Amino acid sequence: MQAVGIDIEPDLPLPDDVITTVLRPDERVAKGEERAVFCVKEAIYKALYPLSGEIWDFADVRVQPDPACNRFSAVLSRAAGPVPAGAVLDGHLVIEDGLCLA
């Protein structure tokens, strides 16, 4: 394991203008799962920033949440220090009690 990233958010809908910033055109998620994608991307940023020292854009990661299984999978579109572009990152995603945790 090279890094750990954690994010927790209130499980509330994202404003439409934020959704268009967070989601890539090729990310298809169910209505209401946008907050989960935001939470996952924030957790990934927190894990990768210490390795790369670079600011990331939401479009630099493609996320596939699977809240029913408490999991997510994400693919990097660019390298982050020692983590190559195309790397697949898997993690835990829990949505309950009004919170989203990745």
PDB file of N, CA and C in Angstrom:
ATOM      1  N   MET A   1       0.853  -1.162   0.000  1.00  0.00           N
ATOM      2  CA  MET A   1       0.000   0.000   0.000  1.00  0.00           C
ATOM      3  C   MET A   1       0.905   1.232   0.000  1.00  0.00           C
ATOM      4  N   GLN A   2       0.628   2.156  -0.909  1.00  0.00           N
ATOM      5  CA  GLN A   2       1.440   3.357  -1.013  1.00  0.00           C
ATOM      6  C   GLN A   2       0.827   4.554  -0.306  1.00  0.00           C
ATOM      7  N   ALA A   3      -0.497   4.565  -0.163  1.00  0.00           N
ATOM      8  CA  ALA A   3      -1.158   5.726   0.432  1.00  0.00           C
ATOM      9  C   ALA A   3      -2.568   5.366   0.875  1.00  0.00           C
ATOM     10  N   VAL A   4      -3.111   6.208   1.745  1.00  0.00           N
ATOM     11  CA  VAL A   4      -4.487   6.069   2.196  1.00  0.00           C
ATOM     12  C   VAL A   4      -5.148   7.444   2.104  1.00  0.00           C
ATOM     13  N   GLY A   5      -6.358   7.467   1.584  1.00  0.00           N
ATOM     14  CA  GLY A   5      -7.127   8.706   1.535  1.00  0.00           C
ATOM     15  C   GLY A   5      -8.512   8.448   2.076  1.00  0.00           C
ATOM     16  N   ILE A   6      -9.005   9.379   2.880  1.00  0.00           N
ATOM     17  CA  ILE A   6     -10.327   9.239   3.490  1.00  0.00           C
ATOM     18  C   ILE A   6     -11.091  10.545   3.303  1.00  0.00           C
ATOM     19  N   ASP A   7     -12.360  10.430   2.957  1.00  0.00           N
ATOM     20  CA  ASP A   7     -13.225  11.604   2.899  1.00  0.00           C
ATOM     21  C   ASP A   7     -14.587  11.215   3.430  1.00  0.00           C
ATOM     22  N   ILE A   8     -15.212  12.151   4.103  1.00  0.00           N
ATOM     23  CA  ILE A   8     -16.574  11.955   4.594  1.00  0.00           C
ATOM     24  C   ILE A   8     -17.371  13.205   4.248  1.00  0.00           C
ATOM     25  N   GLU A   9     -18.565  12.984   3.735  1.00  0.00           N
ATOM     26  CA  GLU A   9     -19.430  14.058   3.267  1.00  0.00           C
ATOM     27  C   GLU A   9     -20.851  13.792   3.747  1.00  0.00           C
ATOM     28  N   PRO A  10     -21.649  14.853   3.900  1.00  0.00           N
ATOM     29  CA  PRO A  10     -23.071  14.614   4.149  1.00  0.00           C
ATOM     30  C   PRO A  10     -23.681  14.015   2.882  1.00  0.00           C
ATOM     31  N   ASP A  11     -24.547  13.058   3.029  1.00  0.00           N
ATOM     32  CA  ASP A  11     -25.182  12.425   1.865  1.00  0.00           C
ATOM     33  C   ASP A  11     -26.360  13.281   1.410  1.00  0.00           C
ATOM     34  N   LEU A  12     -25.997  14.414   0.804  1.00  0.00           N
ATOM     35  CA  LEU A  12     -26.980  15.360   0.288  1.00  0.00           C
ATOM     36  C   LEU A  12     -26.752  15.535  -1.209  1.00  0.00           C
ATOM     37  N   PRO A  13     -27.787  15.891  -1.957  1.00  0.00           N
ATOM     38  CA  PRO A  13     -27.603  16.091  -3.395  1.00  0.00           C
ATOM     39  C   PRO A  13     -26.590  17.206  -3.675  1.00  0.00           C
ATOM     40  N   LEU A  14     -25.819  17.023  -4.729  1.00  0.00           N
ATOM     41  CA  LEU A  14     -24.909  18.067  -5.184  1.00  0.00           C
ATOM     42  C   LEU A  14     -25.677  19.034  -6.076  1.00  0.00           C
ATOM     43  N   PRO A  15     -25.354  20.329  -6.016  1.00  0.00           N
ATOM     44  CA  PRO A  15     -25.971  21.270  -6.954  1.00  0.00           C
ATOM     45  C   PRO A  15     -25.605  20.902  -8.389  1.00  0.00           C
ATOM     46  N   ASP A  16     -26.498  21.199  -9.324  1.00  0.00           N
ATOM     47  CA  ASP A  16     -26.278  20.829 -10.721  1.00  0.00           C
ATOM     48  C   ASP A  16     -24.959  21.355 -11.268  1.00  0.00           C
ATOM     49  N   ASP A  17     -24.575  22.588 -10.926  1.00  0.00           N
ATOM     50  CA  ASP A  17     -23.325  23.138 -11.452  1.00  0.00           C
ATOM     51  C   ASP A  17     -22.110  22.412 -10.895  1.00  0.00           C
ATOM     52  N   VAL A  18     -22.227  21.871  -9.703  1.00  0.00           N
ATOM     53  CA  VAL A  18     -21.128  21.093  -9.119  1.00  0.00           C
ATOM     54  C   VAL A  18     -21.064  19.715  -9.780  1.00  0.00           C
ATOM     55  N   ILE A  19     -22.206  19.132 -10.073  1.00  0.00           N
ATOM     56  CA  ILE A  19     -22.250  17.823 -10.739  1.00  0.00           C
ATOM     57  C   ILE A  19     -21.490  17.883 -12.057  1.00  0.00           C
ATOM     58  N   THR A  20     -21.698  18.939 -12.839  1.00  0.00           N
ATOM     59  CA  THR A  20     -21.024  19.042 -14.131  1.00  0.00           C
ATOM     60  C   THR A  20     -19.523  19.254 -13.973  1.00  0.00           C
ATOM     61  N   THR A  21     -19.096  19.767 -12.835  1.00  0.00           N
ATOM     62  CA  THR A  21     -17.662  19.924 -12.558  1.00  0.00           C
ATOM     63  C   THR A  21     -17.048  18.608 -12.102  1.00  0.00           C
ATOM     64  N   VAL A  22     -17.771  17.863 -11.288  1.00  0.00           N
ATOM     65  CA  VAL A  22     -17.251  16.639 -10.678  1.00  0.00           C
ATOM     66  C   VAL A  22     -17.255  15.463 -11.643  1.00  0.00           C
ATOM     67  N   LEU A  23     -18.348  15.282 -12.385  1.00  0.00           N
ATOM     68  CA  LEU A  23     -18.480  14.110 -13.257  1.00  0.00           C
ATOM     69  C   LEU A  23     -17.828  14.342 -14.611  1.00  0.00           C
ATOM     70  N   ARG A  24     -17.079  13.345 -15.049  1.00  0.00           N
ATOM     71  CA  ARG A  24     -16.538  13.340 -16.413  1.00  0.00           C
ATOM     72  C   ARG A  24     -17.662  12.956 -17.363  1.00  0.00           C
ATOM     73  N   PRO A  25     -17.550  13.317 -18.642  1.00  0.00           N
ATOM     74  CA  PRO A  25     -18.588  12.925 -19.598  1.00  0.00           C
ATOM     75  C   PRO A  25     -18.770  11.406 -19.697  1.00  0.00           C
ATOM     76  N   ASP A  26     -17.707  10.629 -19.433  1.00  0.00           N
ATOM     77  CA  ASP A  26     -17.814   9.173 -19.535  1.00  0.00           C
ATOM     78  C   ASP A  26     -18.186   8.502 -18.209  1.00  0.00           C
ATOM     79  N   GLU A  27     -18.503   9.285 -17.186  1.00  0.00           N
ATOM     80  CA  GLU A  27     -18.953   8.709 -15.908  1.00  0.00           C
ATOM     81  C   GLU A  27     -20.476   8.698 -15.889  1.00  0.00           C
ATOM     82  N   ARG A  28     -21.018   7.526 -15.846  1.00  0.00           N
ATOM     83  CA  ARG A  28     -22.464   7.372 -15.796  1.00  0.00           C
ATOM     84  C   ARG A  28     -22.817   6.787 -14.435  1.00  0.00           C
ATOM     85  N   VAL A  29     -23.510   7.572 -13.646  1.00  0.00           N
ATOM     86  CA  VAL A  29     -23.914   7.094 -12.325  1.00  0.00           C
ATOM     87  C   VAL A  29     -25.411   7.330 -12.159  1.00  0.00           C
ATOM     88  N   ALA A  30     -25.998   6.563 -11.284  1.00  0.00           N
ATOM     89  CA  ALA A  30     -27.423   6.709 -11.000  1.00  0.00           C
ATOM     90  C   ALA A  30     -27.670   8.063 -10.332  1.00  0.00           C
ATOM     91  N   LYS A  31     -28.830   8.628 -10.596  1.00  0.00           N
ATOM     92  CA  LYS A  31     -29.219   9.876  -9.961  1.00  0.00           C
ATOM     93  C   LYS A  31     -29.111   9.700  -8.452  1.00  0.00           C
ATOM     94  N   GLY A  32     -28.474  10.624  -7.802  1.00  0.00           N
ATOM     95  CA  GLY A  32     -28.283  10.549  -6.358  1.00  0.00           C
ATOM     96  C   GLY A  32     -26.928   9.987  -5.957  1.00  0.00           C
ATOM     97  N   GLU A  33     -26.193   9.380  -6.901  1.00  0.00           N
ATOM     98  CA  GLU A  33     -24.863   8.846  -6.585  1.00  0.00           C
ATOM     99  C   GLU A  33     -23.744   9.854  -6.854  1.00  0.00           C
ATOM    100  N   GLU A  34     -24.112  11.056  -7.282  1.00  0.00           N
ATOM    101  CA  GLU A  34     -23.096  12.059  -7.588  1.00  0.00           C
ATOM    102  C   GLU A  34     -22.266  12.417  -6.363  1.00  0.00           C
ATOM    103  N   ARG A  35     -22.904  12.481  -5.203  1.00  0.00           N
ATOM    104  CA  ARG A  35     -22.172  12.802  -3.970  1.00  0.00           C
ATOM    105  C   ARG A  35     -21.148  11.714  -3.677  1.00  0.00           C
ATOM    106  N   ALA A  36     -21.485  10.467  -3.940  1.00  0.00           N
ATOM    107  CA  ALA A  36     -20.544   9.361  -3.721  1.00  0.00           C
ATOM    108  C   ALA A  36     -19.320   9.524  -4.610  1.00  0.00           C
ATOM    109  N   VAL A  37     -19.512   9.920  -5.871  1.00  0.00           N
ATOM    110  CA  VAL A  37     -18.389  10.135  -6.780  1.00  0.00           C
ATOM    111  C   VAL A  37     -17.520  11.279  -6.259  1.00  0.00           C
ATOM    112  N   PHE A  38     -18.145  12.361  -5.816  1.00  0.00           N
ATOM    113  CA  PHE A  38     -17.408  13.490  -5.245  1.00  0.00           C
ATOM    114  C   PHE A  38     -16.574  13.033  -4.053  1.00  0.00           C
ATOM    115  N   CYS A  39     -17.172  12.280  -3.157  1.00  0.00           N
ATOM    116  CA  CYS A  39     -16.497  11.787  -1.958  1.00  0.00           C
ATOM    117  C   CYS A  39     -15.308  10.895  -2.326  1.00  0.00           C
ATOM    118  N   VAL A  40     -15.505   9.999  -3.278  1.00  0.00           N
ATOM    119  CA  VAL A  40     -14.424   9.108  -3.715  1.00  0.00           C
ATOM    120  C   VAL A  40     -13.272   9.911  -4.313  1.00  0.00           C
ATOM    121  N   LYS A  41     -13.598  10.873  -5.172  1.00  0.00           N
ATOM    122  CA  LYS A  41     -12.537  11.668  -5.800  1.00  0.00           C
ATOM    123  C   LYS A  41     -11.766  12.483  -4.770  1.00  0.00           C
ATOM    124  N   GLU A  42     -12.440  12.982  -3.765  1.00  0.00           N
ATOM    125  CA  GLU A  42     -11.754  13.715  -2.697  1.00  0.00           C
ATOM    126  C   GLU A  42     -10.820  12.780  -1.915  1.00  0.00           C
ATOM    127  N   ALA A  43     -11.268  11.568  -1.618  1.00  0.00           N
ATOM    128  CA  ALA A  43     -10.428  10.601  -0.909  1.00  0.00           C
ATOM    129  C   ALA A  43      -9.201  10.228  -1.740  1.00  0.00           C
ATOM    130  N   ILE A  44      -9.391  10.053  -3.037  1.00  0.00           N
ATOM    131  CA  ILE A  44      -8.271   9.718  -3.920  1.00  0.00           C
ATOM    132  C   ILE A  44      -7.266  10.869  -3.966  1.00  0.00           C
ATOM    133  N   TYR A  45      -7.769  12.089  -4.061  1.00  0.00           N
ATOM    134  CA  TYR A  45      -6.881  13.254  -4.059  1.00  0.00           C
ATOM    135  C   TYR A  45      -6.050  13.279  -2.773  1.00  0.00           C
ATOM    136  N   LYS A  46      -6.695  13.028  -1.648  1.00  0.00           N
ATOM    137  CA  LYS A  46      -5.992  13.049  -0.364  1.00  0.00           C
ATOM    138  C   LYS A  46      -4.928  11.956  -0.278  1.00  0.00           C
ATOM    139  N   ALA A  47      -5.156  10.853  -0.960  1.00  0.00           N
ATOM    140  CA  ALA A  47      -4.160   9.778  -0.973  1.00  0.00           C
ATOM    141  C   ALA A  47      -3.010  10.084  -1.927  1.00  0.00           C
ATOM    142  N   LEU A  48      -3.320  10.681  -3.076  1.00  0.00           N
ATOM    143  CA  LEU A  48      -2.308  10.851  -4.119  1.00  0.00           C
ATOM    144  C   LEU A  48      -1.496  12.141  -4.010  1.00  0.00           C
ATOM    145  N   TYR A  49      -2.050  13.169  -3.408  1.00  0.00           N
ATOM    146  CA  TYR A  49      -1.318  14.435  -3.342  1.00  0.00           C
ATOM    147  C   TYR A  49       0.049  14.290  -2.658  1.00  0.00           C
ATOM    148  N   PRO A  50       0.154  13.587  -1.537  1.00  0.00           N
ATOM    149  CA  PRO A  50       1.482  13.432  -0.919  1.00  0.00           C
ATOM    150  C   PRO A  50       2.478  12.685  -1.804  1.00  0.00           C
ATOM    151  N   LEU A  51       1.997  11.829  -2.697  1.00  0.00           N
ATOM    152  CA  LEU A  51       2.889  11.086  -3.589  1.00  0.00           C
ATOM    153  C   LEU A  51       3.352  11.921  -4.777  1.00  0.00           C
ATOM    154  N   SER A  52       2.485  12.818  -5.236  1.00  0.00           N
ATOM    155  CA  SER A  52       2.791  13.559  -6.460  1.00  0.00           C
ATOM    156  C   SER A  52       3.092  15.034  -6.222  1.00  0.00           C
ATOM    157  N   GLY A  53       2.527  15.603  -5.164  1.00  0.00           N
ATOM    158  CA  GLY A  53       2.693  17.036  -4.911  1.00  0.00           C
ATOM    159  C   GLY A  53       1.971  17.890  -5.939  1.00  0.00           C
ATOM    160  N   GLU A  54       1.046  17.291  -6.682  1.00  0.00           N
ATOM    161  CA  GLU A  54       0.349  17.997  -7.753  1.00  0.00           C
ATOM    162  C   GLU A  54      -1.131  18.172  -7.427  1.00  0.00           C
ATOM    163  N   ILE A  55      -1.668  19.306  -7.881  1.00  0.00           N
ATOM    164  CA  ILE A  55      -3.097  19.558  -7.766  1.00  0.00           C
ATOM    165  C   ILE A  55      -3.801  18.728  -8.837  1.00  0.00           C
ATOM    166  N   TRP A  56      -4.896  18.096  -8.455  1.00  0.00           N
ATOM    167  CA  TRP A  56      -5.656  17.244  -9.366  1.00  0.00           C
ATOM    168  C   TRP A  56      -6.973  17.902  -9.725  1.00  0.00           C
ATOM    169  N   ASP A  57      -7.450  17.590 -10.903  1.00  0.00           N
ATOM    170  CA  ASP A  57      -8.760  18.025 -11.350  1.00  0.00           C
ATOM    171  C   ASP A  57      -9.710  16.833 -11.221  1.00  0.00           C
ATOM    172  N   PHE A  58     -10.994  17.112 -11.047  1.00  0.00           N
ATOM    173  CA  PHE A  58     -11.962  16.013 -10.949  1.00  0.00           C
ATOM    174  C   PHE A  58     -11.931  15.116 -12.179  1.00  0.00           C
ATOM    175  N   ALA A  59     -11.587  15.668 -13.346  1.00  0.00           N
ATOM    176  CA  ALA A  59     -11.557  14.888 -14.584  1.00  0.00           C
ATOM    177  C   ALA A  59     -10.371  13.929 -14.653  1.00  0.00           C
ATOM    178  N   ASP A  60      -9.419  14.027 -13.726  1.00  0.00           N
ATOM    179  CA  ASP A  60      -8.236  13.165 -13.743  1.00  0.00           C
ATOM    180  C   ASP A  60      -8.504  11.757 -13.219  1.00  0.00           C
ATOM    181  N   VAL A  61      -9.708  11.527 -12.716  1.00  0.00           N
ATOM    182  CA  VAL A  61     -10.082  10.220 -12.163  1.00  0.00           C
ATOM    183  C   VAL A  61     -11.479   9.861 -12.660  1.00  0.00           C
ATOM    184  N   ARG A  62     -11.640   8.631 -13.138  1.00  0.00           N
ATOM    185  CA  ARG A  62     -12.958   8.122 -13.531  1.00  0.00           C
ATOM    186  C   ARG A  62     -13.399   7.122 -12.480  1.00  0.00           C
ATOM    187  N   VAL A  63     -14.560   7.365 -11.872  1.00  0.00           N
ATOM    188  CA  VAL A  63     -15.033   6.573 -10.737  1.00  0.00           C
ATOM    189  C   VAL A  63     -16.266   5.770 -11.119  1.00  0.00           C
ATOM    190  N   GLN A  64     -16.302   4.527 -10.636  1.00  0.00           N
ATOM    191  CA  GLN A  64     -17.493   3.692 -10.750  1.00  0.00           C
ATOM    192  C   GLN A  64     -17.890   3.286  -9.331  1.00  0.00           C
ATOM    193  N   PRO A  65     -18.871   3.974  -8.742  1.00  0.00           N
ATOM    194  CA  PRO A  65     -19.294   3.600  -7.394  1.00  0.00           C
ATOM    195  C   PRO A  65     -20.169   2.347  -7.416  1.00  0.00           C
ATOM    196  N   ASP A  66     -20.106   1.579  -6.359  1.00  0.00           N
ATOM    197  CA  ASP A  66     -20.980   0.417  -6.185  1.00  0.00           C
ATOM    198  C   ASP A  66     -21.480   0.434  -4.747  1.00  0.00           C
ATOM    199  N   PRO A  67     -22.383   1.404  -4.435  1.00  0.00           N
ATOM    200  CA  PRO A  67     -22.833   1.551  -3.051  1.00  0.00           C
ATOM    201  C   PRO A  67     -23.523   0.310  -2.492  1.00  0.00           C
ATOM    202  N   ALA A  68     -24.161  -0.486  -3.348  1.00  0.00           N
ATOM    203  CA  ALA A  68     -24.841  -1.696  -2.870  1.00  0.00           C
ATOM    204  C   ALA A  68     -23.848  -2.675  -2.257  1.00  0.00           C
ATOM    205  N   CYS A  69     -22.601  -2.655  -2.739  1.00  0.00           N
ATOM    206  CA  CYS A  69     -21.560  -3.558  -2.224  1.00  0.00           C
ATOM    207  C   CYS A  69     -20.540  -2.833  -1.359  1.00  0.00           C
ATOM    208  N   ASN A  70     -20.810  -1.546  -1.065  1.00  0.00           N
ATOM    209  CA  ASN A  70     -19.886  -0.736  -0.265  1.00  0.00           C
ATOM    210  C   ASN A  70     -18.491  -0.674  -0.862  1.00  0.00           C
ATOM    211  N   ARG A  71     -18.407  -0.529  -2.189  1.00  0.00           N
ATOM    212  CA  ARG A  71     -17.118  -0.499  -2.893  1.00  0.00           C
ATOM    213  C   ARG A  71     -17.112   0.575  -3.968  1.00  0.00           C
ATOM    214  N   PHE A  72     -15.921   0.900  -4.438  1.00  0.00           N
ATOM    215  CA  PHE A  72     -15.770   1.714  -5.632  1.00  0.00           C
ATOM    216  C   PHE A  72     -14.527   1.255  -6.372  1.00  0.00           C
ATOM    217  N   SER A  73     -14.480   1.596  -7.642  1.00  0.00           N
ATOM    218  CA  SER A  73     -13.316   1.372  -8.479  1.00  0.00           C
ATOM    219  C   SER A  73     -13.060   2.692  -9.196  1.00  0.00           C
ATOM    220  N   ALA A  74     -11.789   3.070  -9.326  1.00  0.00           N
ATOM    221  CA  ALA A  74     -11.436   4.328  -9.985  1.00  0.00           C
ATOM    222  C   ALA A  74     -10.205   4.115 -10.856  1.00  0.00           C
ATOM    223  N   VAL A  75     -10.178   4.799 -11.987  1.00  0.00           N
ATOM    224  CA  VAL A  75      -9.053   4.707 -12.919  1.00  0.00           C
ATOM    225  C   VAL A  75      -8.431   6.087 -13.071  1.00  0.00           C
ATOM    226  N   LEU A  76      -7.101   6.155 -12.926  1.00  0.00           N
ATOM    227  CA  LEU A  76      -6.392   7.421 -13.068  1.00  0.00           C
ATOM    228  C   LEU A  76      -6.133   7.708 -14.541  1.00  0.00           C
ATOM    229  N   SER A  77      -6.378   8.933 -14.957  1.00  0.00           N
ATOM    230  CA  SER A  77      -6.100   9.294 -16.347  1.00  0.00           C
ATOM    231  C   SER A  77      -4.706   9.907 -16.502  1.00  0.00           C
ATOM    232  N   ARG A  78      -4.024  10.132 -15.391  1.00  0.00           N
ATOM    233  CA  ARG A  78      -2.633  10.599 -15.447  1.00  0.00           C
ATOM    234  C   ARG A  78      -1.875  10.045 -14.250  1.00  0.00           C
ATOM    235  N   ALA A  79      -0.572  10.017 -14.356  1.00  0.00           N
ATOM    236  CA  ALA A  79       0.265   9.472 -13.286  1.00  0.00           C
ATOM    237  C   ALA A  79       0.226  10.378 -12.056  1.00  0.00           C
ATOM    238  N   ALA A  80       0.429   9.766 -10.905  1.00  0.00           N
ATOM    239  CA  ALA A  80       0.526  10.490  -9.638  1.00  0.00           C
ATOM    240  C   ALA A  80       1.777   9.994  -8.933  1.00  0.00           C
ATOM    241  N   GLY A  81       2.906  10.652  -9.181  1.00  0.00           N
ATOM    242  CA  GLY A  81       4.159  10.175  -8.609  1.00  0.00           C
ATOM    243  C   GLY A  81       4.431   8.766  -9.093  1.00  0.00           C
ATOM    244  N   PRO A  82       4.582   7.812  -8.170  1.00  0.00           N
ATOM    245  CA  PRO A  82       4.878   6.439  -8.569  1.00  0.00           C
ATOM    246  C   PRO A  82       3.670   5.643  -9.076  1.00  0.00           C
ATOM    247  N   VAL A  83       2.489   6.212  -9.008  1.00  0.00           N
ATOM    248  CA  VAL A  83       1.274   5.522  -9.454  1.00  0.00           C
ATOM    249  C   VAL A  83       1.031   5.902 -10.919  1.00  0.00           C
ATOM    250  N   PRO A  84       1.080   4.922 -11.838  1.00  0.00           N
ATOM    251  CA  PRO A  84       0.992   5.239 -13.267  1.00  0.00           C
ATOM    252  C   PRO A  84      -0.422   5.592 -13.729  1.00  0.00           C
ATOM    253  N   ALA A  85      -0.482   6.337 -14.825  1.00  0.00           N
ATOM    254  CA  ALA A  85      -1.770   6.569 -15.486  1.00  0.00           C
ATOM    255  C   ALA A  85      -2.353   5.209 -15.857  1.00  0.00           C
ATOM    256  N   GLY A  86      -3.647   5.090 -15.729  1.00  0.00           N
ATOM    257  CA  GLY A  86      -4.312   3.819 -16.024  1.00  0.00           C
ATOM    258  C   GLY A  86      -4.433   2.910 -14.812  1.00  0.00           C
ATOM    259  N   ALA A  87      -3.778   3.283 -13.713  1.00  0.00           N
ATOM    260  CA  ALA A  87      -3.873   2.467 -12.496  1.00  0.00           C
ATOM    261  C   ALA A  87      -5.323   2.428 -12.017  1.00  0.00           C
ATOM    262  N   VAL A  88      -5.732   1.273 -11.529  1.00  0.00           N
ATOM    263  CA  VAL A  88      -7.073   1.093 -10.979  1.00  0.00           C
ATOM    264  C   VAL A  88      -6.963   1.088  -9.460  1.00  0.00           C
ATOM    265  N   LEU A  89      -7.729   1.959  -8.845  1.00  0.00           N
ATOM    266  CA  LEU A  89      -7.761   2.055  -7.389  1.00  0.00           C
ATOM    267  C   LEU A  89      -9.122   1.563  -6.920  1.00  0.00           C
ATOM    268  N   ASP A  90      -9.120   0.626  -5.999  1.00  0.00           N
ATOM    269  CA  ASP A  90     -10.358   0.098  -5.429  1.00  0.00           C
ATOM    270  C   ASP A  90     -10.429   0.492  -3.969  1.00  0.00           C
ATOM    271  N   GLY A  91     -11.637   0.734  -3.489  1.00  0.00           N
ATOM    272  CA  GLY A  91     -11.763   1.116  -2.089  1.00  0.00           C
ATOM    273  C   GLY A  91     -13.156   0.873  -1.560  1.00  0.00           C
ATOM    274  N   HIS A  92     -13.332   1.287  -0.331  1.00  0.00           N
ATOM    275  CA  HIS A  92     -14.610   1.127   0.359  1.00  0.00           C
ATOM    276  C   HIS A  92     -15.440   2.402   0.232  1.00  0.00           C
ATOM    277  N   LEU A  93     -16.730   2.223   0.107  1.00  0.00           N
ATOM    278  CA  LEU A  93     -17.680   3.327   0.017  1.00  0.00           C
ATOM    279  C   LEU A  93     -18.882   2.967   0.870  1.00  0.00           C
ATOM    280  N   VAL A  94     -19.120   3.753   1.905  1.00  0.00           N
ATOM    281  CA  VAL A  94     -20.239   3.479   2.806  1.00  0.00           C
ATOM    282  C   VAL A  94     -21.158   4.700   2.808  1.00  0.00           C
ATOM    283  N   ILE A  95     -22.421   4.445   2.541  1.00  0.00           N
ATOM    284  CA  ILE A  95     -23.421   5.504   2.587  1.00  0.00           C
ATOM    285  C   ILE A  95     -24.507   5.065   3.564  1.00  0.00           C
ATOM    286  N   GLU A  96     -24.544   5.714   4.707  1.00  0.00           N
ATOM    287  CA  GLU A  96     -25.576   5.395   5.707  1.00  0.00           C
ATOM    288  C   GLU A  96     -25.629   6.490   6.761  1.00  0.00           C
ATOM    289  N   ASP A  97     -26.726   6.549   7.462  1.00  0.00           N
ATOM    290  CA  ASP A  97     -26.946   7.528   8.528  1.00  0.00           C
ATOM    291  C   ASP A  97     -26.688   8.956   8.061  1.00  0.00           C
ATOM    292  N   GLY A  98     -27.028   9.230   6.787  1.00  0.00           N
ATOM    293  CA  GLY A  98     -26.895  10.577   6.260  1.00  0.00           C
ATOM    294  C   GLY A  98     -25.482  10.991   5.892  1.00  0.00           C
ATOM    295  N   LEU A  99     -24.559  10.023   5.864  1.00  0.00           N
ATOM    296  CA  LEU A  99     -23.171  10.326   5.536  1.00  0.00           C
ATOM    297  C   LEU A  99     -22.671   9.448   4.397  1.00  0.00           C
ATOM    298  N   CYS A 100     -21.678   9.950   3.699  1.00  0.00           N
ATOM    299  CA  CYS A 100     -21.001   9.203   2.633  1.00  0.00           C
ATOM    300  C   CYS A 100     -19.512   9.175   3.012  1.00  0.00           C
ATOM    301  N   LEU A 101     -18.952   7.974   3.107  1.00  0.00           N
ATOM    302  CA  LEU A 101     -17.563   7.797   3.519  1.00  0.00           C
ATOM    303  C   LEU A 101     -16.816   6.966   2.489  1.00  0.00           C
ATOM    304  N   ALA A 102     -15.689   7.499   2.034  1.00  0.00           N
ATOM    305  CA  ALA A 102     -14.836   6.756   1.088  1.00  0.00           C
ATOM    306  C   ALA A 102     -13.427   6.693   1.656  1.00  0.00           C
TER     307      ALA A 102
END
